[in-house]
Amino acid sequence: MPHIILLGTLDSKLAEYLYIYDQLTNSPVQTKTPVKVTLVDCGRSPTKHDKITISQPDLISQYGPQNQSKSLTDLPRGELVKFMTSCATTCIKDLISRGPVHGLISAGGSSGTSLTAAVMREAAPIGLPKIIVSTIASGDTGPIVGETDITLMYSVVDIAGSNQLLRNVLSNAAGAMVGMASTYEAGRAMLGGLRGEQKTRIGVTMFGVTTPCVDRVRQYLEDKYDVEVFVFHATGHGGRAMERLVAEGRLDAVLDITTTEICDFLMGGNMSAGPDRLEAALRGGVPNVLSFGATGEYDHAVTIRTVGVLKSRFSDMVNFGPRATVPDKYQKRKLYEHNPSVTLMRTTKDECRQIGEFMVRKIKSAAKDLSNVQIRIPVGGVSMIAIPGASFADSIADRELIETVQTGLEGSGVHIVEDERDINNEGFAIDIAEQLMALTRRSANGQTD
């Protein structure tokens, strides 16, 4: 019997949550798949109903801070959301640890979505089904989903009261959750019988301009070795997802071919994976081969939203859309229109030095085992548009990156291979794949340099 957690602010949306509860348990389709529902109330004010499993007072008393003295009615909305997020996150982590739990579902407006999405991101592992019916699901969903696998469904109308359209949307969400939870339950049962057969799991980072390399690496590794390859699109959330899975012990090795997210973090692009990029694999001590894929350019644009809209929502964060939205100060830089919605800017010599310094600093400060870290440098070009004769070719800037890393890691024990081929050369792809597998075998045997 799948166990589904229904989480939300019941003081403002009790009727809507009871409808979801009934759809999870009593609709004609759901009666064929009996489910257990745990209803958790994380509203501002206590709500009483016999279907509530964990009431708001119980949530606070069992999972809130011991020194909480303020009345929740006195808290500003922002502080309230943070407080209830903390309580609910601790609660859901506890329920999952005592398990089994096969899915989480919620519904709400901007505050309710912010609350329950944060709980799902922090408390629920990737792979566990998560659905939010939200009034803001058709907007900028990056801050809601983050690097996780939350499924969003736009409510179309506000989640306030009852009408046929809203009931239809909520019914669809409940049906989807029952199906997802049932599949997840069956998959976990099957996985339990196959744990002795688990393959080596390898994370690989990819961008459009490094796709030929990564495709060849994946094909080569899967054909020659008994491994499972996870490819992560280096769009910011992709890098975060890989780092999260490494930290959770769900990846055994990393082939970090495409480290372009570092450029976005340092130079203000919109595909930054944040200041902690590279750290999970380094701190975890897993076999880790790094390269410089797409570090010669960084992305200013995926969203087509106007600068004004983004400024109003994120104050000091501005993402640029088509080329016309790139600021005047960058218009004379080397730009490349990847597609109508994505504009790339070539990094300068000074920016490449900053990228190299970032990598050196991370490796030296975070690496648990420097012998498990290796670097392969594609001297012939870091992407398909950075090879000689291509639009982003700049050997001086690339050389600055290479020399910064080599000088910074001199004497560290990190093995560096300077490869004259470009990153998308088939031979380069095969050799970097073999380099990782050799490091993985050596690490498995407990060998060091």
Protein backbone atom coordinates (compact mmCIF):
# COMPACT_ATOMS: atom_id res chain seq x y z
CA MET A 1 0.00 0.00 0.00
CA PRO A 2 1.63 3.28 -1.08
CA HIS A 3 2.10 5.83 1.71
CA ILE A 4 1.53 9.42 0.56
CA ILE A 5 2.17 12.55 2.62
CA LEU A 6 -0.24 15.41 1.99
CA LEU A 7 1.34 18.61 3.25
CA GLY A 8 -0.12 22.11 3.38
CA THR A 9 -1.57 25.16 5.10
CA LEU A 10 -4.93 23.91 6.27
CA ASP A 11 -6.07 27.10 8.01
CA SER A 12 -6.57 28.70 4.59
CA LYS A 13 -7.13 25.69 2.33
CA LEU A 14 -8.77 22.94 4.40
CA ALA A 15 -11.61 22.27 1.96
CA GLU A 16 -9.22 21.97 -0.99
CA TYR A 17 -6.92 19.61 0.92
CA LEU A 18 -9.82 17.44 2.03
CA TYR A 19 -10.82 17.17 -1.62
CA ILE A 20 -7.30 16.03 -2.54
CA TYR A 21 -7.42 13.59 0.40
CA ASP A 22 -10.67 12.09 -0.89
CA GLN A 23 -9.29 11.87 -4.43
CA LEU A 24 -6.24 10.03 -3.13
CA THR A 25 -8.32 7.51 -1.21
CA ASN A 26 -11.85 7.27 -2.57
CA SER A 27 -12.09 8.01 -6.28
CA PRO A 28 -13.00 5.09 -8.61
CA VAL A 29 -9.44 4.78 -9.89
CA GLN A 30 -7.79 5.15 -6.50
CA THR A 31 -9.94 2.48 -4.86
CA LYS A 32 -8.16 -0.04 -7.10
CA THR A 33 -4.91 1.04 -5.47
CA PRO A 34 -5.50 1.55 -1.73
CA VAL A 35 -3.23 4.20 -0.26
CA LYS A 36 -2.32 5.44 3.18
CA VAL A 37 -2.41 9.24 3.52
CA THR A 38 -0.65 11.25 6.21
CA LEU A 39 -2.10 14.77 6.31
CA VAL A 40 0.27 17.34 7.85
CA ASP A 41 -0.90 20.84 8.77
CA CYS A 42 1.70 23.60 8.50
CA GLY A 43 -0.62 26.61 8.57
CA ARG A 44 -0.35 29.71 10.73
CA SER A 45 -3.38 28.86 12.87
CA PRO A 46 -4.43 25.47 14.31
CA THR A 47 -7.13 23.64 12.39
CA LYS A 48 -9.19 20.74 13.67
CA HIS A 49 -10.44 17.84 11.54
CA ASP A 50 -10.44 14.08 12.09
CA LYS A 51 -8.51 13.46 8.87
CA ILE A 52 -5.52 15.54 10.00
CA THR A 53 -2.72 13.18 11.04
CA ILE A 54 -0.22 15.72 12.37
CA SER A 55 -1.89 18.90 13.56
CA GLN A 56 -0.22 22.30 13.54
CA PRO A 57 0.27 22.33 17.36
CA ASP A 58 1.76 18.83 17.23
CA LEU A 59 4.02 19.81 14.33
CA ILE A 60 5.42 22.73 16.30
CA SER A 61 5.72 20.94 19.65
CA GLN A 62 7.34 17.80 18.21
CA TYR A 63 9.48 19.28 15.45
CA GLY A 64 9.92 22.99 16.24
CA PRO A 65 12.69 24.68 18.24
CA GLN A 66 12.43 24.32 21.98
CA ASN A 67 12.92 28.04 22.60
CA GLN A 68 10.07 29.26 20.38
CA SER A 69 8.26 31.89 22.44
CA LYS A 70 6.63 34.22 19.90
CA SER A 71 3.03 33.69 18.95
CA LEU A 72 2.79 32.71 15.29
CA THR A 73 0.07 35.32 14.86
CA ASP A 74 2.70 38.00 15.53
CA LEU A 75 5.21 36.74 12.98
CA PRO A 76 5.48 38.52 9.60
CA ARG A 77 4.56 36.24 6.71
CA GLY A 78 8.17 35.77 5.60
CA GLU A 79 9.33 34.71 9.07
CA LEU A 80 6.30 32.48 9.48
CA VAL A 81 7.05 30.64 6.24
CA LYS A 82 10.66 30.10 7.33
CA PHE A 83 9.58 28.86 10.76
CA MET A 84 6.96 26.44 9.46
CA THR A 85 9.34 25.27 6.73
CA SER A 86 11.86 24.33 9.42
CA CYS A 87 9.25 22.43 11.44
CA ALA A 88 7.80 20.64 8.43
CA THR A 89 11.23 19.74 7.04
CA THR A 90 12.22 18.08 10.30
CA CYS A 91 8.86 16.29 10.40
CA ILE A 92 9.06 14.93 6.85
CA LYS A 93 12.66 13.81 7.34
CA ASP A 94 11.49 11.90 10.42
CA LEU A 95 8.55 10.31 8.61
CA ILE A 96 10.77 9.25 5.69
CA SER A 97 13.41 7.83 8.04
CA ARG A 98 10.75 5.74 9.77
CA GLY A 99 9.14 5.00 6.36
CA PRO A 100 8.15 3.75 4.06
CA VAL A 101 7.01 6.91 2.24
CA HIS A 102 6.24 6.75 -1.47
CA GLY A 103 5.19 10.30 -2.36
CA LEU A 104 4.55 13.89 -1.26
CA ILE A 105 1.83 16.18 -2.61
CA SER A 106 0.71 19.71 -1.81
CA ALA A 107 -1.21 22.65 -3.27
CA GLY A 108 -1.00 26.37 -2.68
CA GLY A 109 -0.28 29.91 -3.71
CA SER A 110 3.11 31.61 -3.64
CA SER A 111 3.69 31.29 0.12
CA GLY A 112 2.36 27.74 0.35
CA THR A 113 4.40 26.72 -2.68
CA SER A 114 7.53 28.32 -1.25
CA LEU A 115 7.01 26.45 2.02
CA THR A 116 6.25 22.99 0.70
CA ALA A 117 8.79 23.18 -2.13
CA ALA A 118 11.54 23.98 0.38
CA VAL A 119 10.44 21.00 2.48
CA MET A 120 10.48 18.70 -0.53
CA ARG A 121 13.90 19.93 -1.65
CA GLU A 122 15.47 19.52 1.78
CA ALA A 123 13.69 16.51 3.23
CA ALA A 124 12.90 14.21 0.31
CA PRO A 125 15.52 12.36 -1.72
CA ILE A 126 15.70 12.72 -5.48
CA GLY A 127 13.55 9.98 -6.99
CA LEU A 128 10.81 10.10 -4.36
CA PRO A 129 7.68 11.41 -6.19
CA LYS A 130 6.80 15.02 -5.38
CA ILE A 131 3.90 17.06 -6.80
CA ILE A 132 2.84 20.64 -6.11
CA VAL A 133 -0.30 22.15 -7.59
CA SER A 134 0.57 25.83 -7.62
CA THR A 135 -0.72 29.20 -8.78
CA ILE A 136 2.85 30.14 -9.77
CA ALA A 137 3.79 26.96 -11.61
CA SER A 138 3.69 28.68 -15.00
CA GLY A 139 6.23 31.35 -14.00
CA ASP A 140 9.94 31.14 -13.23
CA THR A 141 10.08 27.72 -11.59
CA GLY A 142 13.84 27.54 -11.04
CA PRO A 143 13.73 28.72 -7.40
CA ILE A 144 10.88 26.28 -6.70
CA VAL A 145 12.34 23.11 -8.20
CA GLY A 146 16.05 23.81 -7.71
CA GLU A 147 18.13 20.74 -8.49
CA THR A 148 15.38 18.30 -7.50
CA ASP A 149 12.64 16.38 -9.34
CA ILE A 150 9.57 18.24 -8.04
CA THR A 151 6.66 18.01 -10.47
CA LEU A 152 4.67 21.24 -10.79
CA MET A 153 1.09 21.50 -12.03
CA TYR A 154 -0.38 24.92 -12.75
CA SER A 155 -3.70 25.38 -10.96
CA VAL A 156 -5.03 27.74 -13.70
CA VAL A 157 -7.42 29.32 -11.18
CA ASP A 158 -6.56 30.28 -7.64
CA ILE A 159 -6.73 27.54 -5.04
CA ALA A 160 -9.58 29.21 -3.25
CA GLY A 161 -13.01 27.66 -2.94
CA SER A 162 -14.37 25.05 -5.32
CA ASN A 163 -15.22 25.01 -9.00
CA GLN A 164 -15.19 22.37 -11.70
CA LEU A 165 -11.91 23.49 -13.21
CA LEU A 166 -10.02 23.43 -9.92
CA ARG A 167 -11.55 20.07 -8.96
CA ASN A 168 -10.40 18.68 -12.31
CA VAL A 169 -6.84 19.91 -11.78
CA LEU A 170 -6.69 18.60 -8.20
CA SER A 171 -8.13 15.24 -9.29
CA ASN A 172 -5.49 14.94 -12.00
CA ALA A 173 -2.77 15.72 -9.49
CA ALA A 174 -4.09 13.13 -7.03
CA GLY A 175 -4.32 10.51 -9.77
CA ALA A 176 -0.79 11.28 -10.92
CA MET A 177 0.50 10.99 -7.35
CA VAL A 178 -1.16 7.61 -6.79
CA GLY A 179 0.32 6.33 -10.02
CA MET A 180 3.78 7.71 -9.24
CA ALA A 181 3.73 6.44 -5.65
CA SER A 182 2.61 2.97 -6.74
CA THR A 183 5.35 2.80 -9.36
CA TYR A 184 7.91 4.05 -6.85
CA GLU A 185 6.82 1.44 -4.30
CA ALA A 186 7.12 -1.36 -6.88
CA GLY A 187 10.49 -0.05 -8.06
CA ARG A 188 11.90 0.11 -4.54
CA ALA A 189 10.78 -3.47 -3.90
CA MET A 190 12.49 -4.59 -7.10
CA LEU A 191 15.64 -2.65 -6.27
CA GLY A 192 15.81 -4.35 -2.89
CA GLY A 193 16.27 -7.68 -4.65
CA LEU A 194 18.96 -6.33 -6.98
CA ARG A 195 21.25 -4.51 -4.57
CA GLY A 196 24.02 -7.05 -5.03
CA GLU A 197 24.03 -6.35 -8.77
CA GLN A 198 24.44 -2.57 -8.59
CA LYS A 199 26.69 -1.10 -11.27
CA THR A 200 29.33 1.57 -10.80
CA ARG A 201 27.55 4.91 -11.13
CA ILE A 202 29.37 7.70 -12.97
CA GLY A 203 28.29 11.33 -13.18
CA VAL A 204 29.26 13.27 -16.32
CA THR A 205 28.64 16.97 -17.04
CA MET A 206 27.61 18.17 -20.51
CA PHE A 207 26.73 21.34 -22.38
CA GLY A 208 25.56 21.79 -25.97
CA VAL A 209 29.08 22.62 -27.15
CA THR A 210 30.58 19.53 -25.45
CA THR A 211 27.84 17.09 -26.48
CA PRO A 212 29.96 15.11 -29.01
CA CYS A 213 32.56 14.39 -26.31
CA VAL A 214 30.03 13.35 -23.67
CA ASP A 215 27.99 11.23 -26.08
CA ARG A 216 31.14 9.32 -27.07
CA VAL A 217 32.23 8.96 -23.43
CA ARG A 218 28.84 7.58 -22.42
CA GLN A 219 28.68 5.15 -25.31
CA TYR A 220 32.25 3.98 -24.73
CA LEU A 221 31.84 3.46 -20.98
CA GLU A 222 28.52 1.63 -21.31
CA ASP A 223 29.79 -0.61 -24.10
CA LYS A 224 33.13 -1.55 -22.53
CA TYR A 225 32.48 -1.43 -18.79
CA ASP A 226 29.69 -2.55 -16.47
CA VAL A 227 28.79 1.00 -15.46
CA GLU A 228 25.77 3.28 -15.37
CA VAL A 229 26.29 6.82 -16.69
CA PHE A 230 24.32 9.83 -15.41
CA VAL A 231 24.65 12.86 -17.70
CA PHE A 232 23.99 16.27 -16.13
CA HIS A 233 23.25 19.34 -18.25
CA ALA A 234 25.57 22.03 -16.89
CA THR A 235 22.88 24.69 -16.60
CA GLY A 236 23.41 25.51 -12.92
CA HIS A 237 20.77 23.17 -11.55
CA GLY A 238 22.47 20.30 -13.38
CA GLY A 239 25.73 20.85 -11.55
CA ARG A 240 23.90 21.18 -8.26
CA ALA A 241 22.03 17.94 -8.91
CA MET A 242 25.25 16.05 -9.57
CA GLU A 243 26.86 17.48 -6.44
CA ARG A 244 23.80 16.54 -4.39
CA LEU A 245 23.82 12.95 -5.63
CA VAL A 246 27.54 12.65 -4.86
CA ALA A 247 26.92 13.96 -1.34
CA GLU A 248 24.08 11.45 -0.90
CA GLY A 249 26.39 8.59 -1.91
CA ARG A 250 24.48 7.89 -5.12
CA LEU A 251 27.40 8.44 -7.52
CA ASP A 252 30.65 6.48 -7.32
CA ALA A 253 32.81 8.59 -9.63
CA VAL A 254 32.67 11.90 -11.50
CA LEU A 255 33.87 12.83 -14.98
CA ASP A 256 33.47 16.60 -14.75
CA ILE A 257 34.04 17.33 -18.42
CA THR A 258 32.01 20.55 -18.55
CA THR A 259 32.86 23.04 -15.81
CA THR A 260 31.25 26.07 -17.48
CA GLU A 261 29.03 26.77 -14.45
CA ILE A 262 32.10 28.20 -12.73
CA CYS A 263 32.21 30.91 -15.42
CA ASP A 264 28.61 31.87 -14.73
CA PHE A 265 29.23 32.06 -10.99
CA LEU A 266 32.29 34.27 -11.35
CA MET A 267 31.15 36.47 -14.22
CA GLY A 268 27.43 36.80 -13.50
CA GLY A 269 25.93 34.42 -16.03
CA ASN A 270 22.56 32.82 -15.37
CA MET A 271 23.73 29.20 -15.23
CA SER A 272 25.72 29.38 -12.02
CA ALA A 273 25.77 26.34 -9.76
CA GLY A 274 26.81 28.56 -6.86
CA PRO A 275 30.00 28.99 -4.86
CA ASP A 276 30.22 25.32 -3.80
CA ARG A 277 30.66 23.88 -7.30
CA LEU A 278 33.24 21.03 -7.37
CA GLU A 279 33.15 20.53 -3.60
CA ALA A 280 30.96 17.43 -3.20
CA ALA A 281 33.16 15.09 -5.24
CA LEU A 282 36.32 16.58 -3.72
CA ARG A 283 35.07 16.29 -0.13
CA GLY A 284 33.64 12.84 -0.79
CA GLY A 285 36.97 11.57 -2.07
CA VAL A 286 35.36 9.81 -5.05
CA PRO A 287 37.43 9.31 -8.24
CA ASN A 288 37.17 12.65 -10.02
CA VAL A 289 38.57 13.66 -13.41
CA LEU A 290 38.10 17.34 -14.26
CA SER A 291 38.33 19.09 -17.61
CA PHE A 292 37.70 22.60 -18.94
CA GLY A 293 34.64 22.03 -21.12
CA ALA A 294 32.93 25.29 -22.18
CA THR A 295 34.97 27.38 -19.73
CA GLY A 296 35.82 29.58 -22.68
CA GLU A 297 32.29 30.91 -22.73
CA TYR A 298 29.48 31.50 -20.33
CA ASP A 299 25.77 31.76 -20.79
CA HIS A 300 23.83 34.94 -20.26
CA ALA A 301 20.46 33.65 -21.30
CA VAL A 302 17.93 30.91 -21.09
CA THR A 303 14.90 32.81 -19.91
CA ILE A 304 13.16 35.20 -22.26
CA ARG A 305 11.65 37.21 -19.42
CA THR A 306 12.36 40.92 -19.55
CA VAL A 307 15.15 42.42 -17.50
CA GLY A 308 12.61 44.59 -15.68
CA VAL A 309 10.55 41.65 -14.50
CA LEU A 310 13.59 39.78 -13.26
CA LYS A 311 14.94 42.83 -11.50
CA SER A 312 11.70 43.30 -9.63
CA ARG A 313 11.76 39.71 -8.40
CA PHE A 314 15.44 39.18 -7.70
CA SER A 315 16.69 42.73 -7.08
CA ASP A 316 20.40 42.24 -7.76
CA MET A 317 20.12 39.21 -10.06
CA VAL A 318 19.60 39.93 -13.77
CA ASN A 319 19.34 37.21 -16.40
CA PHE A 320 19.60 38.28 -20.04
CA GLY A 321 17.47 36.89 -22.82
CA PRO A 322 18.14 37.27 -26.56
CA ARG A 323 21.21 39.17 -27.73
CA ALA A 324 19.42 42.52 -27.59
CA THR A 325 19.10 42.14 -23.81
CA VAL A 326 22.85 41.84 -23.21
CA PRO A 327 23.96 45.08 -21.44
CA ASP A 328 25.75 47.77 -23.43
CA LYS A 329 29.00 47.18 -21.53
CA TYR A 330 29.17 43.66 -23.01
CA GLN A 331 28.00 44.45 -26.54
CA LYS A 332 31.58 44.83 -27.83
CA ARG A 333 32.62 41.53 -26.31
CA LYS A 334 32.84 38.34 -28.35
CA LEU A 335 29.22 37.11 -28.35
CA TYR A 336 27.67 34.00 -29.85
CA GLU A 337 23.96 33.42 -30.36
CA HIS A 338 23.55 29.77 -29.41
CA ASN A 339 19.85 30.06 -30.26
CA PRO A 340 17.30 32.92 -30.18
CA SER A 341 17.00 32.62 -26.40
CA VAL A 342 20.64 31.91 -25.48
CA THR A 343 23.62 34.23 -25.93
CA LEU A 344 27.15 33.14 -25.03
CA MET A 345 30.04 35.49 -24.20
CA ARG A 346 33.69 34.52 -24.61
CA THR A 347 35.77 34.82 -21.45
CA THR A 348 38.82 37.05 -21.50
CA LYS A 349 42.35 36.23 -20.39
CA ASP A 350 41.69 37.78 -16.96
CA GLU A 351 38.42 35.89 -16.57
CA CYS A 352 40.12 32.61 -17.50
CA ARG A 353 42.70 33.29 -14.79
CA GLN A 354 39.87 33.74 -12.27
CA ILE A 355 38.33 30.43 -13.36
CA GLY A 356 41.66 28.67 -12.91
CA GLU A 357 42.17 30.21 -9.48
CA PHE A 358 38.68 29.07 -8.44
CA MET A 359 39.44 25.48 -9.45
CA VAL A 360 42.83 25.45 -7.73
CA ARG A 361 41.37 26.93 -4.54
CA LYS A 362 38.57 24.36 -4.44
CA ILE A 363 40.88 21.42 -5.07
CA LYS A 364 43.39 22.49 -2.43
CA SER A 365 40.84 23.35 0.25
CA ALA A 366 38.17 20.69 -0.28
CA ALA A 367 39.84 17.53 -1.59
CA LYS A 368 39.70 14.66 0.88
CA ASP A 369 42.18 12.66 -1.20
CA LEU A 370 44.25 14.53 -3.81
CA SER A 371 45.32 11.23 -5.35
CA ASN A 372 41.71 10.73 -6.45
CA VAL A 373 41.69 14.01 -8.38
CA GLN A 374 43.04 14.27 -11.93
CA ILE A 375 42.77 16.87 -14.67
CA ARG A 376 42.80 16.48 -18.46
CA ILE A 377 43.30 19.69 -20.42
CA PRO A 378 42.04 19.88 -24.04
CA VAL A 379 44.65 22.26 -25.43
CA GLY A 380 43.09 22.09 -28.90
CA GLY A 381 39.86 23.76 -27.69
CA VAL A 382 37.43 23.61 -24.79
CA SER A 383 34.28 23.43 -26.95
CA MET A 384 33.12 23.05 -30.55
CA ILE A 385 33.17 26.84 -30.99
CA ALA A 386 36.57 27.35 -29.32
CA ILE A 387 38.75 25.31 -31.68
CA PRO A 388 41.17 27.07 -34.08
CA GLY A 389 39.23 28.98 -36.72
CA ALA A 390 35.93 28.89 -34.80
CA SER A 391 34.16 31.94 -33.46
CA PHE A 392 35.41 31.61 -29.86
CA ALA A 393 39.01 30.58 -30.60
CA ASP A 394 41.34 32.43 -28.20
CA SER A 395 44.57 30.57 -27.48
CA ILE A 396 45.87 33.36 -25.22
CA ALA A 397 42.87 33.20 -22.90
CA ASP A 398 42.90 29.39 -22.87
CA ARG A 399 46.64 29.37 -22.11
CA GLU A 400 46.04 31.64 -19.12
CA LEU A 401 43.53 29.13 -17.70
CA ILE A 402 45.87 26.20 -18.31
CA GLU A 403 48.92 27.86 -16.77
CA THR A 404 46.95 29.12 -13.77
CA VAL A 405 45.83 25.58 -12.94
CA GLN A 406 49.23 24.02 -13.61
CA THR A 407 51.10 26.57 -11.50
CA GLY A 408 48.53 26.57 -8.72
CA LEU A 409 48.57 22.77 -8.36
CA GLU A 410 52.31 22.28 -8.79
CA GLY A 411 53.58 19.89 -6.13
CA SER A 412 50.07 19.05 -4.93
CA GLY A 413 50.06 15.49 -6.24
CA VAL A 414 47.15 16.15 -8.60
CA HIS A 415 47.90 14.40 -11.90
CA ILE A 416 47.50 16.78 -14.87
CA VAL A 417 47.47 15.62 -18.49
CA GLU A 418 47.91 18.26 -21.20
CA ASP A 419 46.19 16.84 -24.30
CA GLU A 420 46.81 18.58 -27.65
CA ARG A 421 43.41 17.55 -29.04
CA ASP A 422 40.17 19.50 -28.67
CA ILE A 423 37.54 18.36 -26.20
CA ASN A 424 35.19 16.90 -28.84
CA ASN A 425 37.89 14.82 -30.50
CA GLU A 426 36.86 11.15 -30.34
CA GLY A 427 40.28 10.10 -29.11
CA PHE A 428 40.17 12.68 -26.34
CA ALA A 429 36.77 11.35 -25.26
CA ILE A 430 37.97 7.74 -25.14
CA ASP A 431 41.17 8.63 -23.30
CA ILE A 432 39.45 10.72 -20.62
CA ALA A 433 36.96 7.87 -20.12
CA GLU A 434 39.83 5.41 -19.69
CA GLN A 435 41.56 7.85 -17.35
CA LEU A 436 38.53 7.85 -15.07
CA MET A 437 38.16 4.07 -15.14
CA ALA A 438 41.85 3.59 -14.27
CA LEU A 439 41.44 5.97 -11.36
CA THR A 440 38.26 4.19 -10.28
CA ARG A 441 39.94 0.78 -10.32
CA ARG A 442 42.93 2.09 -8.43
CA SER A 443 40.70 3.73 -5.82
CA ALA A 444 38.67 0.51 -5.42
CA ASN A 445 41.91 -1.38 -4.74
CA GLY A 446 43.00 1.17 -2.15
CA GLN A 447 46.03 2.29 -4.14
CA THR A 448 47.54 5.79 -4.03
CA ASP A 449 50.20 7.59 -5.99
